[in-house]
C-alpha atoms as a PDB file:
ATOM      1  CA  MET A   1      33.784 130.655 252.006  1.00  0.00           C
ATOM      2  CA  GLU A   2      30.204 131.358 252.905  1.00  0.00           C
ATOM      3  CA  GLY A   3      27.338 131.145 250.445  1.00  0.00           C
ATOM      4  CA  CYS A   4      27.519 130.492 246.737  1.00  0.00           C
ATOM      5  CA  TRP A   5      29.080 132.663 244.048  1.00  0.00           C
ATOM      6  CA  THR A   6      28.575 133.016 240.341  1.00  0.00           C
ATOM      7  CA  VAL A   7      30.896 135.034 238.153  1.00  0.00           C
ATOM      8  CA  THR A   8      29.954 136.756 234.915  1.00  0.00           C
ATOM      9  CA  ILE A   9      32.860 137.653 232.634  1.00  0.00           C
ATOM     10  CA  SER A  10      32.423 139.906 229.608  1.00  0.00           C
ATOM     11  CA  SER A  11      33.974 138.934 226.277  1.00  0.00           C
ATOM     12  CA  GLU A  12      36.288 141.966 226.512  1.00  0.00           C
ATOM     13  CA  LEU A  13      37.643 140.735 229.847  1.00  0.00           C
ATOM     14  CA  VAL A  14      38.097 137.219 228.492  1.00  0.00           C
ATOM     15  CA  TYR A  15      40.322 138.740 225.813  1.00  0.00           C
ATOM     16  CA  THR A  16      42.225 140.868 228.337  1.00  0.00           C
ATOM     17  CA  PHE A  17      42.397 138.223 231.091  1.00  0.00           C
ATOM     18  CA  PRO A  18      42.046 134.796 229.392  1.00  0.00           C
ATOM     19  CA  THR A  19      43.061 132.942 232.569  1.00  0.00           C
ATOM     20  CA  LEU A  20      39.757 133.955 234.189  1.00  0.00           C
ATOM     21  CA  LEU A  21      37.967 131.230 232.229  1.00  0.00           C
ATOM     22  CA  HIS A  22      40.038 128.565 233.966  1.00  0.00           C
ATOM     23  CA  LEU A  23      39.523 129.793 237.537  1.00  0.00           C
ATOM     24  CA  SER A  24      36.730 128.991 239.942  1.00  0.00           C
ATOM     25  CA  ALA A  25      34.771 131.754 241.657  1.00  0.00           C
ATOM     26  CA  GLU A  26      36.563 130.901 244.901  1.00  0.00           C
ATOM     27  CA  GLU A  27      39.967 131.284 243.212  1.00  0.00           C
ATOM     28  CA  ILE A  28      38.979 134.651 241.727  1.00  0.00           C
ATOM     29  CA  VAL A  29      37.809 135.869 245.136  1.00  0.00           C
ATOM     30  CA  ALA A  30      41.055 134.626 246.744  1.00  0.00           C
ATOM     31  CA  ILE A  31      43.116 136.463 244.121  1.00  0.00           C
ATOM     32  CA  TRP A  32      41.209 139.727 244.656  1.00  0.00           C
ATOM     33  CA  ASP A  33      41.550 139.318 248.430  1.00  0.00           C
ATOM     34  CA  ALA A  34      45.332 139.022 248.037  1.00  0.00           C
ATOM     35  CA  VAL A  35      45.503 141.910 245.564  1.00  0.00           C
ATOM     36  CA  SER A  36      43.423 144.176 247.801  1.00  0.00           C
ATOM     37  CA  ASP A  37      45.607 143.285 250.829  1.00  0.00           C
ATOM     38  CA  TYR A  38      48.724 144.143 248.809  1.00  0.00           C
ATOM     39  CA  ILE A  39      47.231 147.448 247.622  1.00  0.00           C
ATOM     40  CA  LEU A  40      46.257 148.361 251.192  1.00  0.00           C
ATOM     41  CA  GLU A  41      49.758 147.625 252.515  1.00  0.00           C
ATOM     42  CA  GLN A  42      51.391 149.664 249.736  1.00  0.00           C
ATOM     43  CA  MET A  43      49.056 152.597 250.310  1.00  0.00           C
ATOM     44  CA  LYS A  44      49.878 152.512 254.032  1.00  0.00           C
ATOM     45  CA  LEU A  45      53.505 153.022 252.915  1.00  0.00           C
ATOM     46  CA  ASP A  46      52.376 156.021 250.816  1.00  0.00           C
ATOM     47  CA  LYS A  47      52.961 154.115 247.566  1.00  0.00           C
ATOM     48  CA  GLY A  48      50.644 153.693 244.599  1.00  0.00           C
ATOM     49  CA  VAL A  49      49.908 150.412 242.831  1.00  0.00           C
ATOM     50  CA  LEU A  50      49.440 149.974 239.078  1.00  0.00           C
ATOM     51  CA  VAL A  51      47.346 146.922 238.185  1.00  0.00           C
ATOM     52  CA  PRO A  52      47.966 146.275 234.468  1.00  0.00           C
ATOM     53  CA  GLY A  53      44.731 146.156 232.505  1.00  0.00           C
ATOM     54  CA  LEU A  54      42.763 147.694 235.364  1.00  0.00           C
ATOM     55  CA  GLY A  55      44.191 150.960 236.638  1.00  0.00           C
ATOM     56  CA  LEU A  56      46.114 152.835 239.310  1.00  0.00           C
ATOM     57  CA  PHE A  57      45.437 152.926 243.048  1.00  0.00           C
ATOM     58  CA  ALA A  58      47.089 155.858 244.814  1.00  0.00           C
ATOM     59  CA  ALA A  59      46.613 158.530 247.461  1.00  0.00           C
ATOM     60  CA  VAL A  60      46.528 162.275 246.971  1.00  0.00           C
ATOM     61  CA  ARG A  61      47.377 164.800 249.641  1.00  0.00           C
ATOM     62  CA  GLU A  62      44.877 167.530 250.345  1.00  0.00           C
ATOM     63  CA  GLN A  63      45.011 170.483 252.710  1.00  0.00           C
ATOM     64  CA  PHE A  64      41.991 171.639 254.641  1.00  0.00           C
ATOM     65  CA  HIS A  65      42.190 175.067 256.250  1.00  0.00           C
ATOM     66  CA  SER A  66      40.183 176.464 259.096  1.00  0.00           C
ATOM     67  CA  LYS A  67      40.611 179.760 260.917  1.00  0.00           C
ATOM     68  CA  GLU A  68      42.919 178.119 263.436  1.00  0.00           C
ATOM     69  CA  VAL A  69      44.689 175.225 261.775  1.00  0.00           C
ATOM     70  CA  ALA A  70      45.537 173.560 258.472  1.00  0.00           C
ATOM     71  CA  VAL A  71      45.099 169.804 258.264  1.00  0.00           C
ATOM     72  CA  SER A  72      46.816 167.642 255.664  1.00  0.00           C
ATOM     73  CA  VAL A  73      45.051 164.403 254.737  1.00  0.00           C
ATOM     74  CA  ARG A  74      45.647 161.601 252.245  1.00  0.00           C
ATOM     75  CA  ARG A  75      42.632 160.578 250.196  1.00  0.00           C
ATOM     76  CA  PRO A  76      42.624 157.257 248.277  1.00  0.00           C
ATOM     77  CA  VAL A  77      41.918 157.512 244.553  1.00  0.00           C
ATOM     78  CA  PHE A  78      41.560 155.053 241.708  1.00  0.00           C
ATOM     79  CA  GLN A  79      42.283 155.953 238.091  1.00  0.00           C
ATOM     80  CA  LEU A  80      40.785 153.500 235.638  1.00  0.00           C
ATOM     81  CA  GLY A  81      43.263 152.384 232.987  1.00  0.00           C
ATOM     82  CA  HIS A  82      42.484 152.631 229.284  1.00  0.00           C
ATOM     83  CA  ARG A  83      41.879 148.895 228.831  1.00  0.00           C
ATOM     84  CA  GLY A  84      39.685 148.851 231.928  1.00  0.00           C
ATOM     85  CA  ALA A  85      37.674 151.775 230.584  1.00  0.00           C
ATOM     86  CA  VAL A  86      37.187 150.053 227.228  1.00  0.00           C
ATOM     87  CA  ALA A  87      36.107 146.757 228.763  1.00  0.00           C
ATOM     88  CA  ALA A  88      32.470 146.260 229.652  1.00  0.00           C
ATOM     89  CA  GLY A  89      33.386 146.227 233.329  1.00  0.00           C
ATOM     90  CA  PRO A  90      35.126 144.094 235.928  1.00  0.00           C
ATOM     91  CA  PRO A  91      34.012 140.558 236.622  1.00  0.00           C
ATOM     92  CA  VAL A  92      31.020 140.683 238.929  1.00  0.00           C
ATOM     93  CA  ALA A  93      30.724 138.196 241.760  1.00  0.00           C
ATOM     94  CA  HIS A  94      27.131 137.798 242.854  1.00  0.00           C
ATOM     95  CA  ARG A  95      26.462 136.459 246.317  1.00  0.00           C
ATOM     96  CA  HIS A  96      23.372 134.326 246.567  1.00  0.00           C
ATOM     97  CA  HIS A  97      21.516 133.199 249.617  1.00  0.00           C
ATOM     98  CA  PRO A  98      22.909 129.748 250.589  1.00  0.00           C
ATOM     99  CA  ARG A  99      19.494 128.063 250.579  1.00  0.00           C
ATOM    100  CA  ARG A 100      18.996 129.059 246.953  1.00  0.00           C
ATOM    101  CA  CYS A 101      22.282 127.525 245.758  1.00  0.00           C
ATOM    102  CA  GLN A 102      22.294 124.248 243.973  1.00  0.00           C
ATOM    103  CA  ASP A 103      25.310 121.931 243.782  1.00  0.00           C
END
């Protein structure tokens, strides 16, 4: 992993996701990398993904019409879940310039 990371976790998220307190920033980033890869693969299969405590990732079909042709496209959407909406926000990973990081 390049650079240094700090993670700020709101008290609401600590209540919803207590395991976050026991993970390093690198572990949190690795988890989100795996989750985002899984979501991408499912959406390629035209499937949605519900992430408990966060929300729903899905695709909606839309039709665009011109004078000559109609084009159907899939547009990705995210619907924030109730607990995610109530929480102060997702954990924020801040990337700092490597020379400014201290061990």
